C-alpha atoms as a PDB file:
ATOM      1  CA  MET A   1       0.408 145.202  64.354  1.00  0.00           C
ATOM      2  CA  ALA A   2       0.592 141.710  62.428  1.00  0.00           C
ATOM      3  CA  ASP A   3      -2.271 139.325  63.374  1.00  0.00           C
ATOM      4  CA  GLU A   4      -0.872 136.438  64.925  1.00  0.00           C
ATOM      5  CA  GLY A   5      -3.291 133.798  63.511  1.00  0.00           C
ATOM      6  CA  ARG A   6      -2.971 135.356  59.913  1.00  0.00           C
ATOM      7  CA  SER A   7       0.818 133.892  59.416  1.00  0.00           C
ATOM      8  CA  THR A   8       0.105 130.212  60.869  1.00  0.00           C
ATOM      9  CA  LEU A   9      -3.214 129.698  57.907  1.00  0.00           C
ATOM     10  CA  PRO A  10      -3.433 126.592  55.930  1.00  0.00           C
ATOM     11  CA  LEU A  11      -3.411 129.587  52.910  1.00  0.00           C
ATOM     12  CA  PRO A  12      -0.717 131.894  53.881  1.00  0.00           C
ATOM     13  CA  ASP A  13      -1.925 134.553  51.590  1.00  0.00           C
ATOM     14  CA  TYR A  14      -5.995 133.978  52.740  1.00  0.00           C
ATOM     15  CA  ASP A  15      -6.873 137.624  53.273  1.00  0.00           C
ATOM     16  CA  HIS A  16      -6.082 138.348  49.484  1.00  0.00           C
ATOM     17  CA  LEU A  17      -7.595 135.524  47.494  1.00  0.00           C
ATOM     18  CA  PRO A  18     -10.289 136.570  45.748  1.00  0.00           C
ATOM     19  CA  ILE A  19     -13.378 134.342  45.778  1.00  0.00           C
ATOM     20  CA  GLY A  20     -12.826 132.388  42.650  1.00  0.00           C
ATOM     21  CA  GLY A  21      -9.303 131.693  43.683  1.00  0.00           C
ATOM     22  CA  LEU A  22     -10.555 130.320  47.224  1.00  0.00           C
ATOM     23  CA  GLU A  23     -12.687 127.849  46.182  1.00  0.00           C
ATOM     24  CA  SER A  24      -9.876 125.910  43.822  1.00  0.00           C
ATOM     25  CA  ARG A  25      -7.105 126.391  46.737  1.00  0.00           C
ATOM     26  CA  VAL A  26      -9.425 125.424  49.553  1.00  0.00           C
ATOM     27  CA  ARG A  27      -9.583 121.809  47.686  1.00  0.00           C
ATOM     28  CA  SER A  28      -6.273 120.815  48.512  1.00  0.00           C
ATOM     29  CA  LEU A  29      -6.875 120.908  52.496  1.00  0.00           C
ATOM     30  CA  THR A  30      -7.615 118.783  55.203  1.00  0.00           C
ATOM     31  CA  ALA A  31     -11.376 119.085  57.427  1.00  0.00           C
ATOM     32  CA  GLY A  32      -8.681 120.493  60.340  1.00  0.00           C
ATOM     33  CA  GLU A  33      -7.353 122.877  57.790  1.00  0.00           C
ATOM     34  CA  VAL A  34     -10.685 124.145  56.482  1.00  0.00           C
ATOM     35  CA  GLU A  35     -12.254 124.310  60.049  1.00  0.00           C
ATOM     36  CA  GLU A  36      -9.038 126.358  60.511  1.00  0.00           C
ATOM     37  CA  LEU A  37      -9.848 128.892  57.627  1.00  0.00           C
ATOM     38  CA  LEU A  38     -13.134 128.903  58.767  1.00  0.00           C
ATOM     39  CA  ALA A  39     -12.524 130.045  62.403  1.00  0.00           C
ATOM     40  CA  TYR A  40     -10.724 132.252  61.310  1.00  0.00           C
ATOM     41  CA  GLU A  41     -13.231 134.170  58.841  1.00  0.00           C
ATOM     42  CA  ARG A  42     -16.109 133.856  61.395  1.00  0.00           C
ATOM     43  CA  THR A  43     -13.640 135.583  63.962  1.00  0.00           C
ATOM     44  CA  HIS A  44     -12.325 138.365  61.657  1.00  0.00           C
ATOM     45  CA  ALA A  45     -14.480 139.426  58.492  1.00  0.00           C
ATOM     46  CA  ASP A  46     -17.361 136.992  58.549  1.00  0.00           C
ATOM     47  CA  ARG A  47     -17.754 137.482  54.913  1.00  0.00           C
ATOM     48  CA  LEU A  48     -20.999 135.447  54.146  1.00  0.00           C
ATOM     49  CA  PRO A  49     -19.707 134.074  50.290  1.00  0.00           C
ATOM     50  CA  VAL A  50     -16.635 133.014  52.042  1.00  0.00           C
ATOM     51  CA  THR A  51     -18.265 131.044  54.991  1.00  0.00           C
ATOM     52  CA  GLU A  52     -20.457 129.586  52.584  1.00  0.00           C
ATOM     53  CA  VAL A  53     -17.589 128.246  50.587  1.00  0.00           C
ATOM     54  CA  LEU A  54     -15.813 126.969  53.728  1.00  0.00           C
ATOM     55  CA  THR A  55     -18.614 125.257  54.863  1.00  0.00           C
ATOM     56  CA  SER A  56     -19.658 123.817  51.483  1.00  0.00           C
ATOM     57  CA  ARG A  57     -15.863 122.266  51.408  1.00  0.00           C
ATOM     58  CA  LEU A  58     -16.003 121.113  54.996  1.00  0.00           C
ATOM     59  CA  GLU A  59     -19.232 119.162  54.350  1.00  0.00           C
ATOM     60  CA  GLN A  60     -17.889 117.675  51.016  1.00  0.00           C
ATOM     61  CA  LEU A  61     -14.392 116.369  53.033  1.00  0.00           C
ATOM     62  CA  GLU A  62     -16.712 114.943  56.389  1.00  0.00           C
ATOM     63  CA  ALA A  63     -18.793 113.523  53.168  1.00  0.00           C
ATOM     64  CA  GLY A  64     -15.708 111.325  52.272  1.00  0.00           C
ATOM     65  CA  ALA A  65     -14.182 113.345  49.668  1.00  0.00           C
ATOM     66  CA  GLU A  66     -10.295 113.594  49.386  1.00  0.00           C
ATOM     67  CA  PRO A  67      -7.845 116.312  49.284  1.00  0.00           C
ATOM     68  CA  THR A  68      -7.247 117.478  45.879  1.00  0.00           C
ATOM     69  CA  SER A  69      -4.056 119.351  44.700  1.00  0.00           C
ATOM     70  CA  GLY A  70      -6.835 122.035  43.623  1.00  0.00           C
ATOM     71  CA  ASP A  71      -6.848 124.197  40.344  1.00  0.00           C
ATOM     72  CA  PRO A  72      -3.059 125.292  40.017  1.00  0.00           C
ATOM     73  CA  SER A  73      -4.357 128.257  37.404  1.00  0.00           C
ATOM     74  CA  ALA A  74      -6.638 129.685  40.052  1.00  0.00           C
ATOM     75  CA  LEU A  75      -6.417 133.258  40.474  1.00  0.00           C
ATOM     76  CA  ARG A  76      -3.622 134.533  42.889  1.00  0.00           C
ATOM     77  CA  PRO A  77      -3.200 137.407  44.552  1.00  0.00           C
ATOM     78  CA  GLU A  78       0.616 137.706  43.128  1.00  0.00           C
ATOM     79  CA  GLN A  79      -0.779 137.312  39.513  1.00  0.00           C
ATOM     80  CA  SER A  80      -1.648 140.228  37.685  1.00  0.00           C
ATOM     81  CA  THR A  81      -3.073 141.115  34.295  1.00  0.00           C
ATOM     82  CA  GLY A  82      -0.228 143.931  33.934  1.00  0.00           C
ATOM     83  CA  ARG A  83      -2.848 147.019  34.224  1.00  0.00           C
ATOM     84  CA  SER A  84      -3.014 149.111  35.998  1.00  0.00           C
ATOM     85  CA  GLY A  85      -4.987 153.043  35.981  1.00  0.00           C
ATOM     86  CA  SER A  86      -6.989 154.524  33.861  1.00  0.00           C
ATOM     87  CA  PRO A  87      -7.500 153.101  30.156  1.00  0.00           C
ATOM     88  CA  VAL A  88      -8.732 156.974  29.117  1.00  0.00           C
ATOM     89  CA  SER A  89      -6.351 158.519  27.519  1.00  0.00           C
ATOM     90  CA  PRO A  90      -6.287 161.635  25.221  1.00  0.00           C
ATOM     91  CA  ALA A  91      -6.368 159.324  21.967  1.00  0.00           C
ATOM     92  CA  THR A  92      -9.693 157.564  23.782  1.00  0.00           C
ATOM     93  CA  SER A  93     -11.346 160.604  25.252  1.00  0.00           C
ATOM     94  CA  ALA A  94     -14.586 162.303  23.914  1.00  0.00           C
ATOM     95  CA  GLN A  95     -13.738 165.122  21.317  1.00  0.00           C
ATOM     96  CA  PRO A  96     -14.871 168.524  23.053  1.00  0.00           C
ATOM     97  CA  PHE A  97     -18.130 169.879  22.427  1.00  0.00           C
ATOM     98  CA  GLY A  98     -19.774 173.557  22.693  1.00  0.00           C
ATOM     99  CA  PRO A  99     -23.054 173.612  24.751  1.00  0.00           C
ATOM    100  CA  PRO A 100     -26.385 173.074  23.459  1.00  0.00           C
ATOM    101  CA  PRO A 101     -27.915 176.024  21.147  1.00  0.00           C
ATOM    102  CA  HIS A 102     -30.582 176.331  23.897  1.00  0.00           C
ATOM    103  CA  GLY A 103     -27.806 177.213  26.499  1.00  0.00           C
ATOM    104  CA  THR A 104     -26.782 175.739  29.451  1.00  0.00           C
ATOM    105  CA  PRO A 105     -27.592 176.981  33.302  1.00  0.00           C
ATOM    106  CA  ASP A 106     -24.474 179.284  33.840  1.00  0.00           C
ATOM    107  CA  GLN A 107     -24.691 180.351  29.925  1.00  0.00           C
ATOM    108  CA  ARG A 108     -27.843 181.514  28.884  1.00  0.00           C
ATOM    109  CA  GLY A 109     -28.616 180.948  24.842  1.00  0.00           C
ATOM    110  CA  LYS A 110     -28.917 184.176  22.708  1.00  0.00           C
ATOM    111  CA  PRO A 111     -32.218 184.401  21.422  1.00  0.00           C
ATOM    112  CA  LYS A 112     -32.503 183.979  17.180  1.00  0.00           C
ATOM    113  CA  GLY A 113     -33.186 187.590  16.607  1.00  0.00           C
ATOM    114  CA  ASP A 114     -29.572 188.228  18.069  1.00  0.00           C
ATOM    115  CA  ARG A 115     -27.292 186.139  16.244  1.00  0.00           C
ATOM    116  CA  ALA A 116     -25.067 187.289  13.910  1.00  0.00           C
END
């Protein structure tokens, strides 16, 4: 079931924004829109770093700051680095090695006299 309030938020992808992207993207919002996001955050995830960013921006706006266009290069969830999965491959794996000469818990070492 989709959350009714989520579709009406000033930033439609708000729930998926990394905090670095959020800091830039809220700069384009009015005080009322920031208050709306702050109320949504407090009733849902209530993440301290996010509420601090929103509260700080709201204080800036109330002190006379004007909304700006924000940073268009801010991190957005729809942007990806194109990498997925593990970077480990047979080419980057460590070389296999034998047990140490003193043995392992499941494989006891041989006394020196028994070596051939």
